[in-house]
């Protein structure tokens, strides 16, 4: 596939507004990406989309606006298993005053132990398997990788549609698992859909986490508020509030509806989790346990 045939994403709203609720100190964005410049960090030819450049400076403006001081960069599928941009960003963020950053990598099965230890020192805390978009390693490598990262306390992160992917297959991994974007659950399938019920059961089991993020990826609406996603998010937050974290998913690559404002997206969390103490746990305490802040 040549670059001209790969769709270019929308750009994020460059003027995020502050959320309408009091954001607690230590609030954590557990899911964001940085893209480009493409001439410095080239994309893999085997990818689903092409993002516009979204540099680190733009992300810093976002979190300053939202009141976030801890964050987790997620290696994007468009870079394949070349983690150069993620490694650079973790080093760059070490100089950001008042900001702590961790990372999630995408790794080739042949990575050596020394490289794993180096990534650990940089702040990497898990390995992502993106099974929805092109560019990531195959699912067949998950068990071997989990065995290698267990001693470092890392986790496996899944980007999957839980209605079509059997998460229970991986319930016996020697590491914890984290599910992106509420499991990409289409709300039209209902809370009783077998895959969603499995996710709830895994959360109750105490070794699975879920990100309350990416509602625009599953909604059937065009604009915020994404009211059809409220039952999904609330079911997750009420089932295991101690196993939920939140993320912006900035700069929101590759989805089909109009680009939302990040302030509006963060306000959705206050609807999903109206209790302030529970919301603080999701924004501050849970990420501190999961990522080691």
Protein backbone atom coordinates (compact mmCIF):
# COMPACT_ATOMS: atom_id res chain seq x y z
CA UNK A 1 0.00 0.00 0.00
CA UNK A 2 1.43 3.41 -0.93
CA UNK A 3 1.11 6.48 1.26
CA UNK A 4 -1.40 8.12 -1.09
CA UNK A 5 -3.91 5.34 -0.43
CA UNK A 6 -3.67 5.58 3.38
CA UNK A 7 -6.27 7.97 4.85
CA UNK A 8 -5.06 11.09 6.67
CA UNK A 9 -6.64 11.72 10.08
CA UNK A 10 -8.35 14.81 11.39
CA UNK A 11 -6.18 17.06 13.53
CA UNK A 12 -7.00 17.59 17.20
CA UNK A 13 -8.76 20.79 18.24
CA UNK A 14 -5.85 23.21 18.86
CA UNK A 15 -7.83 25.22 21.45
CA UNK A 16 -8.76 22.83 24.27
CA UNK A 17 -10.82 24.33 27.06
CA UNK A 18 -10.55 23.59 30.76
CA UNK A 19 -12.96 21.00 32.19
CA UNK A 20 -15.96 22.14 34.18
CA UNK A 21 -15.07 20.27 37.39
CA UNK A 22 -12.25 20.62 39.89
CA UNK A 23 -9.40 18.39 38.72
CA UNK A 24 -7.50 16.92 41.71
CA UNK A 25 -3.73 17.31 42.12
CA UNK A 26 -1.89 14.42 40.53
CA UNK A 27 -4.55 13.82 37.88
CA UNK A 28 -3.26 11.40 35.25
CA UNK A 29 -3.84 11.08 31.52
CA UNK A 30 -3.27 7.36 30.99
CA UNK A 31 -3.48 7.38 27.20
CA UNK A 32 -2.03 9.82 24.69
CA UNK A 33 0.16 9.82 21.58
CA UNK A 34 2.66 12.17 19.97
CA UNK A 35 3.16 12.15 16.19
CA UNK A 36 5.98 13.55 14.10
CA UNK A 37 7.65 15.36 12.66
CA UNK A 38 7.36 12.65 10.03
CA UNK A 39 10.79 13.38 8.55
CA UNK A 40 12.38 12.67 11.94
CA UNK A 41 10.11 9.81 13.03
CA UNK A 42 8.96 8.09 9.81
CA UNK A 43 5.79 5.99 9.75
CA UNK A 44 5.74 2.30 8.93
CA UNK A 45 4.37 1.57 5.44
CA UNK A 46 2.09 -1.08 6.99
CA UNK A 47 -0.35 1.22 8.75
CA UNK A 48 -4.07 2.00 8.78
CA UNK A 49 -3.90 5.80 8.87
CA UNK A 50 -1.56 8.77 8.56
CA UNK A 51 -1.78 11.35 11.35
CA UNK A 52 -0.92 15.04 11.05
CA UNK A 53 2.04 16.12 13.17
CA UNK A 54 1.07 16.57 16.83
CA UNK A 55 4.26 17.51 18.67
CA UNK A 56 5.12 17.26 22.33
CA UNK A 57 4.67 21.01 22.80
CA UNK A 58 1.02 20.76 21.77
CA UNK A 59 0.45 17.96 24.23
CA UNK A 60 2.07 19.96 27.02
CA UNK A 61 -0.36 22.81 26.25
CA UNK A 62 -3.24 20.34 26.48
CA UNK A 63 -2.37 18.94 29.89
CA UNK A 64 -1.61 22.38 31.30
CA UNK A 65 -5.10 23.41 30.20
CA UNK A 66 -6.78 20.31 31.62
CA UNK A 67 -4.88 20.37 34.93
CA UNK A 68 -3.08 17.05 34.38
CA UNK A 69 0.40 16.55 35.86
CA UNK A 70 0.99 12.83 35.24
CA UNK A 71 0.70 11.12 31.88
CA UNK A 72 1.32 7.89 30.00
CA UNK A 73 2.46 7.99 26.37
CA UNK A 74 1.19 5.07 24.30
CA UNK A 75 3.32 4.01 21.35
CA UNK A 76 1.15 4.40 18.23
CA UNK A 77 0.55 1.69 15.65
CA UNK A 78 1.79 3.94 12.80
CA UNK A 79 5.38 3.44 14.05
CA UNK A 80 5.21 -0.34 14.20
CA UNK A 81 7.78 -1.70 16.66
CA UNK A 82 10.18 1.22 16.21
CA UNK A 83 9.88 2.92 19.60
CA UNK A 84 12.19 5.84 18.79
CA UNK A 85 9.55 8.53 19.30
CA UNK A 86 8.37 7.01 22.58
CA UNK A 87 11.92 6.74 23.92
CA UNK A 88 12.67 10.31 22.85
CA UNK A 89 9.50 11.62 24.50
CA UNK A 90 10.20 9.89 27.82
CA UNK A 91 13.67 11.46 27.85
CA UNK A 92 12.29 14.86 26.82
CA UNK A 93 9.58 14.81 29.49
CA UNK A 94 12.16 14.26 32.21
CA UNK A 95 12.87 17.98 31.83
CA UNK A 96 9.24 19.10 32.03
CA UNK A 97 8.77 20.95 35.30
CA UNK A 98 5.98 19.48 37.41
CA UNK A 99 5.16 16.67 34.98
CA UNK A 100 5.73 12.92 35.41
CA UNK A 101 5.53 10.60 32.41
CA UNK A 102 5.51 6.84 31.90
CA UNK A 103 5.18 4.90 28.66
CA UNK A 104 3.77 1.83 26.94
CA UNK A 105 5.85 0.28 24.16
CA UNK A 106 5.13 -1.91 21.13
CA UNK A 107 7.84 -4.54 20.92
CA UNK A 108 9.22 -7.06 18.48
CA UNK A 109 9.41 -10.57 19.94
CA UNK A 110 13.15 -10.62 19.29
CA UNK A 111 13.99 -7.73 21.62
CA UNK A 112 16.87 -8.61 23.94
CA UNK A 113 16.78 -8.50 27.73
CA UNK A 114 19.14 -5.55 27.92
CA UNK A 115 16.83 -3.45 25.77
CA UNK A 116 13.89 -4.38 27.98
CA UNK A 117 15.78 -3.24 31.07
CA UNK A 118 16.75 0.01 29.35
CA UNK A 119 13.10 0.71 28.50
CA UNK A 120 12.15 -0.03 32.09
CA UNK A 121 14.61 2.60 33.32
CA UNK A 122 13.14 5.11 30.86
CA UNK A 123 9.70 4.59 32.39
CA UNK A 124 8.06 1.99 30.16
CA UNK A 125 5.52 -0.01 32.13
CA UNK A 126 3.85 -2.29 29.61
CA UNK A 127 3.55 -3.66 26.08
CA UNK A 128 0.64 -2.85 23.81
CA UNK A 129 -1.06 -5.22 21.39
CA UNK A 130 -3.19 -3.29 18.93
CA UNK A 131 -5.39 -5.88 17.27
CA UNK A 132 -7.66 -3.35 15.53
CA UNK A 133 -5.20 -1.38 13.37
CA UNK A 134 -2.25 -2.41 11.20
CA UNK A 135 1.31 -2.01 12.40
CA UNK A 136 1.44 -4.01 15.61
CA UNK A 137 2.91 -7.42 16.42
CA UNK A 138 0.65 -10.49 16.14
CA UNK A 139 -1.42 -11.87 19.00
CA UNK A 140 0.55 -15.11 18.84
CA UNK A 141 3.44 -13.35 20.58
CA UNK A 142 1.45 -12.22 23.62
CA UNK A 143 2.11 -15.19 25.92
CA UNK A 144 5.84 -15.24 25.28
CA UNK A 145 6.13 -11.50 25.83
CA UNK A 146 4.07 -11.67 29.03
CA UNK A 147 6.45 -14.25 30.43
CA UNK A 148 9.44 -12.03 29.69
CA UNK A 149 8.04 -8.82 31.21
CA UNK A 150 6.47 -10.32 34.33
CA UNK A 151 9.57 -9.92 36.50
CA UNK A 152 9.63 -6.17 35.79
CA UNK A 153 6.03 -5.71 36.90
CA UNK A 154 4.87 -4.59 33.46
CA UNK A 155 1.45 -5.33 31.99
CA UNK A 156 -0.07 -6.22 28.62
CA UNK A 157 -2.32 -3.58 27.09
CA UNK A 158 -5.02 -4.59 24.60
CA UNK A 159 -6.67 -2.51 21.92
CA UNK A 160 -9.53 -4.83 20.98
CA UNK A 161 -13.27 -4.94 20.44
CA UNK A 162 -14.39 -7.05 23.38
CA UNK A 163 -17.56 -8.10 21.55
CA UNK A 164 -15.47 -10.03 19.02
CA UNK A 165 -12.24 -10.77 20.94
CA UNK A 166 -12.22 -13.34 23.76
CA UNK A 167 -10.32 -11.63 26.57
CA UNK A 168 -10.87 -14.64 28.82
CA UNK A 169 -8.26 -16.45 26.72
CA UNK A 170 -5.64 -14.27 28.40
CA UNK A 171 -7.00 -14.28 31.95
CA UNK A 172 -4.22 -16.67 33.00
CA UNK A 173 -1.29 -14.51 31.86
CA UNK A 174 1.45 -14.00 34.48
CA UNK A 175 0.89 -10.23 34.23
CA UNK A 176 -2.07 -7.92 34.63
CA UNK A 177 -3.93 -6.74 31.52
CA UNK A 178 -5.26 -3.31 30.60
CA UNK A 179 -8.11 -2.83 28.11
CA UNK A 180 -8.18 0.36 26.05
CA UNK A 181 -11.17 2.60 25.39
CA UNK A 182 -13.86 0.72 27.33
CA UNK A 183 -13.25 -2.30 25.13
CA UNK A 184 -14.47 -0.51 21.98
CA UNK A 185 -17.95 -1.60 23.04
CA UNK A 186 -20.76 -0.54 20.69
CA UNK A 187 -23.58 0.51 23.05
CA UNK A 188 -26.21 -0.88 20.65
CA UNK A 189 -25.07 -4.38 21.62
CA UNK A 190 -26.19 -3.82 25.20
CA UNK A 191 -24.64 -4.44 28.59
CA UNK A 192 -25.52 -8.13 28.41
CA UNK A 193 -23.38 -8.74 25.32
CA UNK A 194 -21.15 -11.76 26.11
CA UNK A 195 -17.87 -9.95 25.46
CA UNK A 196 -18.79 -7.05 27.71
CA UNK A 197 -19.96 -9.41 30.43
CA UNK A 198 -16.57 -11.12 30.20
CA UNK A 199 -14.82 -7.78 30.65
CA UNK A 200 -16.89 -7.05 33.76
CA UNK A 201 -16.08 -10.48 35.18
CA UNK A 202 -12.36 -9.98 34.54
CA UNK A 203 -12.48 -6.62 36.30
CA UNK A 204 -14.05 -8.28 39.33
CA UNK A 205 -11.23 -10.82 39.28
CA UNK A 206 -8.71 -8.16 40.22
CA UNK A 207 -6.06 -8.61 37.50
CA UNK A 208 -7.66 -6.57 34.72
CA UNK A 209 -7.92 -2.80 34.26
CA UNK A 210 -9.95 -0.71 31.83
CA UNK A 211 -9.51 2.79 30.45
CA UNK A 212 -12.53 5.08 30.57
CA UNK A 213 -11.55 6.75 27.31
CA UNK A 214 -12.25 6.94 23.60
CA UNK A 215 -16.05 7.19 23.83
CA UNK A 216 -16.11 8.75 20.35
CA UNK A 217 -14.74 5.48 18.96
CA UNK A 218 -17.86 3.52 19.91
CA UNK A 219 -20.67 6.08 20.08
CA UNK A 220 -23.39 6.23 17.47
CA UNK A 221 -23.76 9.98 17.96
CA UNK A 222 -21.96 12.76 16.13
CA UNK A 223 -21.15 15.21 18.92
CA UNK A 224 -20.59 15.40 22.68
CA UNK A 225 -22.16 14.57 25.00
CA UNK A 226 -22.03 10.95 23.90
CA UNK A 227 -25.03 9.97 25.99
CA UNK A 228 -25.29 6.49 24.50
CA UNK A 229 -21.92 5.64 26.09
CA UNK A 230 -23.01 6.56 29.63
CA UNK A 231 -24.37 3.07 30.51
CA UNK A 232 -21.17 1.42 29.26
CA UNK A 233 -18.87 3.73 31.23
CA UNK A 234 -20.99 3.60 34.37
CA UNK A 235 -21.18 -0.19 34.30
CA UNK A 236 -17.40 -0.35 34.22
CA UNK A 237 -16.89 2.29 36.91
CA UNK A 238 -19.49 0.78 39.21
CA UNK A 239 -18.27 -2.80 38.78
CA UNK A 240 -14.65 -2.10 39.70
CA UNK A 241 -13.88 1.56 40.39
CA UNK A 242 -10.48 0.54 41.76
CA UNK A 243 -9.56 -0.96 38.36
CA UNK A 244 -10.50 2.01 36.16
CA UNK A 245 -8.23 4.75 34.83
CA UNK A 246 -8.90 7.64 32.45
CA UNK A 247 -7.18 8.94 29.34
CA UNK A 248 -7.57 11.66 26.73
CA UNK A 249 -6.55 9.51 23.73
CA UNK A 250 -5.14 12.78 22.34
CA UNK A 251 -4.78 13.62 19.47
CA UNK A 252 -7.66 11.22 18.76
CA UNK A 253 -6.40 9.49 15.61
CA UNK A 254 -8.55 7.66 13.08
CA UNK A 255 -12.25 7.77 13.94
CA UNK A 256 -15.20 8.71 11.69
CA UNK A 257 -17.14 11.48 13.47
CA UNK A 258 -16.35 15.20 14.04
CA UNK A 259 -13.39 16.05 16.28
CA UNK A 260 -14.46 16.85 19.87
CA UNK A 261 -12.88 19.39 22.20
CA UNK A 262 -10.76 17.85 24.96
CA UNK A 263 -12.50 19.87 27.66
CA UNK A 264 -15.83 18.40 26.59
CA UNK A 265 -14.29 14.92 26.62
CA UNK A 266 -12.95 15.33 30.14
CA UNK A 267 -16.35 16.60 31.28
CA UNK A 268 -17.81 13.24 30.21
CA UNK A 269 -15.87 11.67 33.10
CA UNK A 270 -17.86 13.73 35.60
CA UNK A 271 -21.08 12.29 34.13
CA UNK A 272 -19.77 8.73 34.16
CA UNK A 273 -18.36 9.07 37.69
CA UNK A 274 -20.30 11.78 39.54
CA UNK A 275 -18.87 10.89 42.96
CA UNK A 276 -15.85 13.14 43.58
CA UNK A 277 -13.94 10.67 45.76
CA UNK A 278 -14.37 7.86 43.26
CA UNK A 279 -13.36 10.19 40.43
CA UNK A 280 -10.20 11.14 42.32
CA UNK A 281 -9.32 7.46 42.65
CA UNK A 282 -9.71 6.99 38.90
CA UNK A 283 -7.68 10.10 38.08
CA UNK A 284 -4.97 9.86 40.74
CA UNK A 285 -4.79 6.79 42.97
CA UNK A 286 -5.45 4.01 40.47
CA UNK A 287 -2.88 5.24 37.91
CA UNK A 288 -0.31 5.60 40.68
CA UNK A 289 -0.74 1.89 41.47
CA UNK A 290 -0.84 0.74 37.86
CA UNK A 291 2.09 2.75 36.49
CA UNK A 292 4.17 3.39 39.58
CA UNK A 293 3.91 7.17 39.80
